[in-house]
Amino acid sequence: MENNFASNLKHLRIQNGLTQQELADKLGKDYSTIGKWELGQRSPIMTDVIRIANFFDISLEKLIGSSIIYDNAETVSTTFETIKIPVLGTIKAGIALEAQQDILEYIDIPKEWTKGSKQFYGLKISGDSMAPKYEENDIVIFEQTNDFDKANNKDCAVMVNGFDATFKNVTINENGITLVPLNLNNQDHYLPTFYNKEQIVNLPVKIIGIAKEKRTRL
């Protein structure tokens, strides 16, 4: 992850009147981790990047894409109606696991997608629990959201236990949420996982993005 994140994090923390310990407490981290992030000695995992962006109410693009220290900075206009978003890391399309720490690359999406302050990020698929719809190394573009209602019957990135991210089709009813793999050829290995309302709150289980588009490379 580029050093823009490190300087932006420190700027946002100070701007909001927080010490490293106070920010660490709010994010559920050790204060030394915050210090290492701000010094650029360590990069946060994808789920932490999203948590930080949500906490400071800032887009992922602004948080990691460029310096936000100067309040009079202006966006440079361009004739191309696209913007770049980060591919934040690899998400396991199988058993839930932590996403990789580093930004793999930046990709273009239509600028019009971001109308209404919508935010997007990309993730690279690893594993085959969502095959054949999503294959190994596909890049899936997600609209960032935590809206359970919007996520129902959609393919979503879901955070489990507050740290582990997985990619599944989501079914929601009055009893809870079911994460469903799409690989029907390997049902013995990939089974739906159900979380009741109590588990959703206590683990917790959170929607962190709804799949909007996949990009397959030859």
C-alpha atoms as a PDB file:
ATOM      1  CA  MET A   1       0.000   0.000   0.000  1.00  0.00           C
ATOM      2  CA  GLU A   2       1.365   3.388  -0.953  1.00  0.00           C
ATOM      3  CA  ASN A   3       2.534   5.927   1.654  1.00  0.00           C
ATOM      4  CA  ASN A   4      -0.477   8.140   0.888  1.00  0.00           C
ATOM      5  CA  PHE A   5      -2.461   5.860   3.181  1.00  0.00           C
ATOM      6  CA  ALA A   6       0.042   6.334   6.011  1.00  0.00           C
ATOM      7  CA  SER A   7       0.017  10.137   5.816  1.00  0.00           C
ATOM      8  CA  ASN A   8      -3.748  10.287   5.262  1.00  0.00           C
ATOM      9  CA  LEU A   9      -4.424   8.103   8.308  1.00  0.00           C
ATOM     10  CA  LYS A  10      -2.272  10.298  10.534  1.00  0.00           C
ATOM     11  CA  HIS A  11      -3.893  13.450   9.141  1.00  0.00           C
ATOM     12  CA  LEU A  12      -7.419  12.118   9.709  1.00  0.00           C
ATOM     13  CA  ARG A  13      -6.601  10.948  13.224  1.00  0.00           C
ATOM     14  CA  ILE A  14      -5.141  14.318  14.249  1.00  0.00           C
ATOM     15  CA  GLN A  15      -7.899  16.232  12.463  1.00  0.00           C
ATOM     16  CA  ASN A  16     -10.457  14.320  14.529  1.00  0.00           C
ATOM     17  CA  GLY A  17      -8.581  14.945  17.779  1.00  0.00           C
ATOM     18  CA  LEU A  18      -7.695  11.322  18.423  1.00  0.00           C
ATOM     19  CA  THR A  19      -4.551   9.834  19.940  1.00  0.00           C
ATOM     20  CA  GLN A  20      -3.141   6.633  18.485  1.00  0.00           C
ATOM     21  CA  GLN A  21      -4.474   4.770  21.530  1.00  0.00           C
ATOM     22  CA  GLU A  22      -7.976   6.242  21.121  1.00  0.00           C
ATOM     23  CA  LEU A  23      -8.087   5.315  17.436  1.00  0.00           C
ATOM     24  CA  ALA A  24      -6.749   1.854  18.224  1.00  0.00           C
ATOM     25  CA  ASP A  25      -9.530   1.359  20.798  1.00  0.00           C
ATOM     26  CA  LYS A  26     -12.213   2.397  18.296  1.00  0.00           C
ATOM     27  CA  LEU A  27     -10.838   0.050  15.623  1.00  0.00           C
ATOM     28  CA  GLY A  28     -10.136  -2.823  17.993  1.00  0.00           C
ATOM     29  CA  LYS A  29      -6.395  -2.703  17.375  1.00  0.00           C
ATOM     30  CA  ASP A  30      -3.235  -2.327  19.444  1.00  0.00           C
ATOM     31  CA  TYR A  31      -1.916   1.248  19.488  1.00  0.00           C
ATOM     32  CA  SER A  32       1.444   0.062  18.123  1.00  0.00           C
ATOM     33  CA  THR A  33      -0.364  -1.178  14.988  1.00  0.00           C
ATOM     34  CA  ILE A  34      -1.700   2.342  14.373  1.00  0.00           C
ATOM     35  CA  GLY A  35       1.819   3.710  14.755  1.00  0.00           C
ATOM     36  CA  LYS A  36       3.230   1.241  12.245  1.00  0.00           C
ATOM     37  CA  TRP A  37       0.459   2.064   9.762  1.00  0.00           C
ATOM     38  CA  GLU A  38       1.182   5.784  10.082  1.00  0.00           C
ATOM     39  CA  LEU A  39       4.911   5.230   9.591  1.00  0.00           C
ATOM     40  CA  GLY A  40       4.311   3.029   6.575  1.00  0.00           C
ATOM     41  CA  GLN A  41       6.007   0.109   8.294  1.00  0.00           C
ATOM     42  CA  ARG A  42       2.952  -2.123   7.946  1.00  0.00           C
ATOM     43  CA  SER A  43      -0.078  -2.192   5.644  1.00  0.00           C
ATOM     44  CA  PRO A  44      -3.583  -2.977   6.905  1.00  0.00           C
ATOM     45  CA  ILE A  45      -5.600  -5.840   5.484  1.00  0.00           C
ATOM     46  CA  MET A  46      -8.548  -5.054   3.222  1.00  0.00           C
ATOM     47  CA  THR A  47     -11.161  -5.335   5.967  1.00  0.00           C
ATOM     48  CA  ASP A  48      -9.252  -2.843   8.123  1.00  0.00           C
ATOM     49  CA  VAL A  49      -8.995  -0.402   5.189  1.00  0.00           C
ATOM     50  CA  ILE A  50     -12.778  -0.541   4.765  1.00  0.00           C
ATOM     51  CA  ARG A  51     -13.312  -0.162   8.522  1.00  0.00           C
ATOM     52  CA  ILE A  52     -11.056   2.923   8.594  1.00  0.00           C
ATOM     53  CA  ALA A  53     -12.814   4.464   5.570  1.00  0.00           C
ATOM     54  CA  ASN A  54     -16.217   3.911   7.198  1.00  0.00           C
ATOM     55  CA  PHE A  55     -15.021   5.267  10.556  1.00  0.00           C
ATOM     56  CA  PHE A  56     -13.748   8.532   9.065  1.00  0.00           C
ATOM     57  CA  ASP A  57     -16.609   8.714   6.527  1.00  0.00           C
ATOM     58  CA  ILE A  58     -14.209   8.952   3.589  1.00  0.00           C
ATOM     59  CA  SER A  59     -14.131   7.088   0.288  1.00  0.00           C
ATOM     60  CA  LEU A  60     -11.588   4.337  -0.281  1.00  0.00           C
ATOM     61  CA  GLU A  61     -10.334   6.255  -3.302  1.00  0.00           C
ATOM     62  CA  LYS A  62      -9.501   9.317  -1.186  1.00  0.00           C
ATOM     63  CA  LEU A  63      -8.103   7.303   1.715  1.00  0.00           C
ATOM     64  CA  ILE A  64      -5.533   5.394  -0.318  1.00  0.00           C
ATOM     65  CA  GLY A  65      -5.371   7.087  -3.715  1.00  0.00           C
ATOM     66  CA  SER A  66      -3.810  10.499  -3.089  1.00  0.00           C
ATOM     67  CA  SER A  67      -2.820  12.915  -0.357  1.00  0.00           C
ATOM     68  CA  ILE A  68      -5.708  14.616   1.450  1.00  0.00           C
ATOM     69  CA  ILE A  69      -3.556  16.834   3.662  1.00  0.00           C
ATOM     70  CA  TYR A  70      -4.149  19.993   1.642  1.00  0.00           C
ATOM     71  CA  ASP A  71      -7.731  21.207   1.989  1.00  0.00           C
ATOM     72  CA  ASN A  72      -7.548  23.344  -1.171  1.00  0.00           C
ATOM     73  CA  ALA A  73      -6.672  20.410  -3.396  1.00  0.00           C
ATOM     74  CA  GLU A  74      -8.824  20.166  -6.512  1.00  0.00           C
ATOM     75  CA  THR A  75      -9.698  17.216  -8.698  1.00  0.00           C
ATOM     76  CA  VAL A  76      -8.123  17.453 -12.125  1.00  0.00           C
ATOM     77  CA  SER A  77     -10.759  17.118 -14.821  1.00  0.00           C
ATOM     78  CA  THR A  78     -10.283  14.617 -17.614  1.00  0.00           C
ATOM     79  CA  THR A  79     -11.942  13.841 -20.913  1.00  0.00           C
ATOM     80  CA  PHE A  80     -12.164  10.171 -19.969  1.00  0.00           C
ATOM     81  CA  GLU A  81     -15.316   9.298 -18.063  1.00  0.00           C
ATOM     82  CA  THR A  82     -13.590   6.745 -15.871  1.00  0.00           C
ATOM     83  CA  ILE A  83     -12.007   6.688 -12.442  1.00  0.00           C
ATOM     84  CA  LYS A  84      -9.489   4.313 -10.905  1.00  0.00           C
ATOM     85  CA  ILE A  85     -10.310   2.103  -7.963  1.00  0.00           C
ATOM     86  CA  PRO A  86      -7.974  -0.192  -6.021  1.00  0.00           C
ATOM     87  CA  VAL A  87      -7.935  -3.958  -6.229  1.00  0.00           C
ATOM     88  CA  LEU A  88      -7.379  -4.307  -2.504  1.00  0.00           C
ATOM     89  CA  GLY A  89      -6.233  -7.909  -2.307  1.00  0.00           C
ATOM     90  CA  THR A  90      -7.292 -11.492  -2.762  1.00  0.00           C
ATOM     91  CA  ILE A  91     -10.548 -12.720  -1.268  1.00  0.00           C
ATOM     92  CA  LYS A  92     -10.954 -16.469  -0.859  1.00  0.00           C
ATOM     93  CA  ALA A  93     -14.006 -17.799  -2.691  1.00  0.00           C
ATOM     94  CA  GLY A  94     -14.178 -20.783  -0.390  1.00  0.00           C
ATOM     95  CA  ILE A  95     -13.515 -21.092   3.317  1.00  0.00           C
ATOM     96  CA  ALA A  96     -13.476 -17.648   4.978  1.00  0.00           C
ATOM     97  CA  LEU A  97     -10.014 -16.170   5.516  1.00  0.00           C
ATOM     98  CA  GLU A  98      -8.243 -12.859   5.879  1.00  0.00           C
ATOM     99  CA  ALA A  99      -7.766 -10.903   2.673  1.00  0.00           C
ATOM    100  CA  GLN A 100      -4.242 -10.138   1.521  1.00  0.00           C
ATOM    101  CA  GLN A 101      -2.677  -6.931   2.770  1.00  0.00           C
ATOM    102  CA  ASP A 102      -1.381  -5.234  -0.365  1.00  0.00           C
ATOM    103  CA  ILE A 103      -3.101  -3.372  -3.158  1.00  0.00           C
ATOM    104  CA  LEU A 104      -2.539  -5.467  -6.260  1.00  0.00           C
ATOM    105  CA  GLU A 105      -3.315  -2.809  -8.852  1.00  0.00           C
ATOM    106  CA  TYR A 106      -5.720  -0.075  -9.888  1.00  0.00           C
ATOM    107  CA  ILE A 107      -8.464  -0.571 -12.463  1.00  0.00           C
ATOM    108  CA  ASP A 108     -10.847   1.759 -14.277  1.00  0.00           C
ATOM    109  CA  ILE A 109     -14.594   1.869 -13.745  1.00  0.00           C
ATOM    110  CA  PRO A 110     -17.204   4.174 -15.342  1.00  0.00           C
ATOM    111  CA  LYS A 111     -17.364   7.465 -13.468  1.00  0.00           C
ATOM    112  CA  GLU A 112     -21.151   7.431 -13.655  1.00  0.00           C
ATOM    113  CA  TRP A 113     -21.214   4.448 -11.287  1.00  0.00           C
ATOM    114  CA  THR A 114     -20.136   6.746  -8.444  1.00  0.00           C
ATOM    115  CA  LYS A 115     -23.154   9.035  -8.706  1.00  0.00           C
ATOM    116  CA  GLY A 116     -24.896   9.416  -5.384  1.00  0.00           C
ATOM    117  CA  SER A 117     -21.557   9.019  -3.537  1.00  0.00           C
ATOM    118  CA  LYS A 118     -21.369   5.301  -4.306  1.00  0.00           C
ATOM    119  CA  GLN A 119     -17.971   3.748  -3.611  1.00  0.00           C
ATOM    120  CA  PHE A 120     -16.327   0.741  -5.247  1.00  0.00           C
ATOM    121  CA  TYR A 121     -13.341  -1.550  -4.807  1.00  0.00           C
ATOM    122  CA  GLY A 122     -12.038  -4.628  -6.577  1.00  0.00           C
ATOM    123  CA  LEU A 123     -11.051  -8.016  -5.215  1.00  0.00           C
ATOM    124  CA  LYS A 124      -9.242 -10.886  -6.919  1.00  0.00           C
ATOM    125  CA  ILE A 125     -10.877 -14.299  -6.627  1.00  0.00           C
ATOM    126  CA  SER A 126      -8.972 -17.265  -5.252  1.00  0.00           C
ATOM    127  CA  GLY A 127     -10.660 -20.645  -4.988  1.00  0.00           C
ATOM    128  CA  ASP A 128     -13.561 -22.298  -6.782  1.00  0.00           C
ATOM    129  CA  SER A 129     -16.564 -22.238  -4.440  1.00  0.00           C
ATOM    130  CA  MET A 130     -18.231 -19.636  -6.692  1.00  0.00           C
ATOM    131  CA  ALA A 131     -17.399 -21.420  -9.961  1.00  0.00           C
ATOM    132  CA  PRO A 132     -18.345 -21.507 -12.735  1.00  0.00           C
ATOM    133  CA  LYS A 133     -19.819 -18.011 -12.422  1.00  0.00           C
ATOM    134  CA  TYR A 134     -16.588 -16.686 -10.907  1.00  0.00           C
ATOM    135  CA  GLU A 135     -13.301 -18.382 -11.702  1.00  0.00           C
ATOM    136  CA  GLU A 136      -9.824 -18.278 -10.189  1.00  0.00           C
ATOM    137  CA  ASN A 137      -8.112 -14.884 -10.757  1.00  0.00           C
ATOM    138  CA  ASP A 138     -11.284 -13.105 -11.877  1.00  0.00           C
ATOM    139  CA  ILE A 139     -11.432  -9.538 -10.583  1.00  0.00           C
ATOM    140  CA  VAL A 140     -14.818  -8.726  -9.071  1.00  0.00           C
ATOM    141  CA  ILE A 141     -15.852  -5.113  -8.603  1.00  0.00           C
ATOM    142  CA  PHE A 142     -17.921  -4.503  -5.477  1.00  0.00           C
ATOM    143  CA  GLU A 143     -20.139  -1.614  -4.516  1.00  0.00           C
ATOM    144  CA  GLN A 144     -19.249  -0.833  -0.922  1.00  0.00           C
ATOM    145  CA  THR A 145     -22.305  -1.217   1.323  1.00  0.00           C
ATOM    146  CA  ASN A 146     -23.409  -2.685   4.626  1.00  0.00           C
ATOM    147  CA  ASP A 147     -27.085  -2.811   3.643  1.00  0.00           C
ATOM    148  CA  PHE A 148     -28.513  -6.272   4.338  1.00  0.00           C
ATOM    149  CA  ASP A 149     -31.714  -5.542   2.430  1.00  0.00           C
ATOM    150  CA  LYS A 150     -29.832  -4.649  -0.754  1.00  0.00           C
ATOM    151  CA  ALA A 151     -27.636  -7.732  -0.356  1.00  0.00           C
ATOM    152  CA  ASN A 152     -30.457 -10.284  -0.332  1.00  0.00           C
ATOM    153  CA  ASN A 153     -30.090 -12.807  -3.191  1.00  0.00           C
ATOM    154  CA  LYS A 154     -26.914 -11.068  -4.390  1.00  0.00           C
ATOM    155  CA  ASP A 155     -23.298 -12.218  -4.643  1.00  0.00           C
ATOM    156  CA  CYS A 156     -21.571 -10.415  -1.796  1.00  0.00           C
ATOM    157  CA  ALA A 157     -18.334  -9.937   0.071  1.00  0.00           C
ATOM    158  CA  VAL A 158     -19.136 -10.718   3.694  1.00  0.00           C
ATOM    159  CA  MET A 159     -17.035 -10.093   6.785  1.00  0.00           C
ATOM    160  CA  VAL A 160     -17.281 -12.802   9.437  1.00  0.00           C
ATOM    161  CA  ASN A 161     -15.951 -12.520  13.011  1.00  0.00           C
ATOM    162  CA  GLY A 162     -15.005  -8.918  12.274  1.00  0.00           C
ATOM    163  CA  PHE A 163     -11.858 -10.026  10.468  1.00  0.00           C
ATOM    164  CA  ASP A 164     -12.426 -12.849   7.972  1.00  0.00           C
ATOM    165  CA  ALA A 165     -13.815 -12.106   4.504  1.00  0.00           C
ATOM    166  CA  THR A 166     -15.540 -14.532   2.161  1.00  0.00           C
ATOM    167  CA  PHE A 167     -17.420 -14.276  -1.156  1.00  0.00           C
ATOM    168  CA  LYS A 168     -20.817 -15.995  -1.360  1.00  0.00           C
ATOM    169  CA  ASN A 169     -24.370 -15.623  -2.590  1.00  0.00           C
ATOM    170  CA  VAL A 170     -26.423 -14.190   0.260  1.00  0.00           C
ATOM    171  CA  THR A 171     -29.921 -15.243   1.296  1.00  0.00           C
ATOM    172  CA  ILE A 172     -31.586 -13.298   4.096  1.00  0.00           C
ATOM    173  CA  ASN A 173     -34.844 -14.075   5.917  1.00  0.00           C
ATOM    174  CA  GLU A 174     -36.430 -13.398   9.291  1.00  0.00           C
ATOM    175  CA  ASN A 175     -34.272 -16.096  10.918  1.00  0.00           C
ATOM    176  CA  GLY A 176     -30.858 -14.902   9.773  1.00  0.00           C
ATOM    177  CA  ILE A 177     -28.422 -14.986   6.854  1.00  0.00           C
ATOM    178  CA  THR A 178     -27.208 -17.910   4.732  1.00  0.00           C
ATOM    179  CA  LEU A 179     -23.978 -17.752   2.736  1.00  0.00           C
ATOM    180  CA  VAL A 180     -24.355 -20.022  -0.285  1.00  0.00           C
ATOM    181  CA  PRO A 181     -21.527 -21.261  -2.553  1.00  0.00           C
ATOM    182  CA  LEU A 182     -22.390 -21.560  -6.250  1.00  0.00           C
ATOM    183  CA  ASN A 183     -20.178 -24.546  -7.055  1.00  0.00           C
ATOM    184  CA  LEU A 184     -22.800 -27.283  -7.411  1.00  0.00           C
ATOM    185  CA  ASN A 185     -20.193 -29.795  -8.586  1.00  0.00           C
ATOM    186  CA  ASN A 186     -18.479 -29.865  -5.215  1.00  0.00           C
ATOM    187  CA  GLN A 187     -21.314 -29.900  -2.701  1.00  0.00           C
ATOM    188  CA  ASP A 188     -19.490 -32.257  -0.366  1.00  0.00           C
ATOM    189  CA  HIS A 189     -16.775 -29.643   0.166  1.00  0.00           C
ATOM    190  CA  TYR A 190     -18.702 -26.369  -0.114  1.00  0.00           C
ATOM    191  CA  LEU A 191     -21.829 -26.222   2.004  1.00  0.00           C
ATOM    192  CA  PRO A 192     -24.091 -23.252   2.838  1.00  0.00           C
ATOM    193  CA  THR A 193     -23.350 -21.559   6.157  1.00  0.00           C
ATOM    194  CA  PHE A 194     -26.192 -20.166   8.258  1.00  0.00           C
ATOM    195  CA  TYR A 195     -25.894 -17.437  10.904  1.00  0.00           C
ATOM    196  CA  ASN A 196     -28.851 -16.583  13.131  1.00  0.00           C
ATOM    197  CA  LYS A 197     -29.724 -13.066  14.290  1.00  0.00           C
ATOM    198  CA  GLU A 198     -27.758 -13.424  17.519  1.00  0.00           C
ATOM    199  CA  GLN A 199     -24.639 -14.581  15.655  1.00  0.00           C
ATOM    200  CA  ILE A 200     -24.962 -11.740  13.148  1.00  0.00           C
ATOM    201  CA  VAL A 201     -24.744  -9.254  16.014  1.00  0.00           C
ATOM    202  CA  ASN A 202     -22.238 -11.021  18.261  1.00  0.00           C
ATOM    203  CA  LEU A 203     -19.680 -12.411  15.798  1.00  0.00           C
ATOM    204  CA  PRO A 204     -20.417 -10.065  13.938  1.00  0.00           C
ATOM    205  CA  VAL A 205     -21.436 -10.865  10.354  1.00  0.00           C
ATOM    206  CA  LYS A 206     -21.419  -7.838   8.033  1.00  0.00           C
ATOM    207  CA  ILE A 207     -22.013  -7.177   4.362  1.00  0.00           C
ATOM    208  CA  ILE A 208     -19.024  -5.246   2.991  1.00  0.00           C
ATOM    209  CA  GLY A 209     -19.849  -5.190  -0.718  1.00  0.00           C
ATOM    210  CA  ILE A 210     -22.215  -6.321  -3.458  1.00  0.00           C
ATOM    211  CA  ALA A 211     -20.720  -7.677  -6.682  1.00  0.00           C
ATOM    212  CA  LYS A 212     -21.430  -5.376  -9.628  1.00  0.00           C
ATOM    213  CA  GLU A 213     -19.138  -6.670 -12.355  1.00  0.00           C
ATOM    214  CA  LYS A 214     -16.508  -9.337 -12.958  1.00  0.00           C
ATOM    215  CA  ARG A 215     -13.532  -9.040 -15.244  1.00  0.00           C
ATOM    216  CA  THR A 216     -11.949 -12.161 -16.632  1.00  0.00           C
ATOM    217  CA  ARG A 217      -8.452 -12.096 -18.118  1.00  0.00           C
ATOM    218  CA  LEU A 218      -7.115 -14.605 -20.555  1.00  0.00           C
END
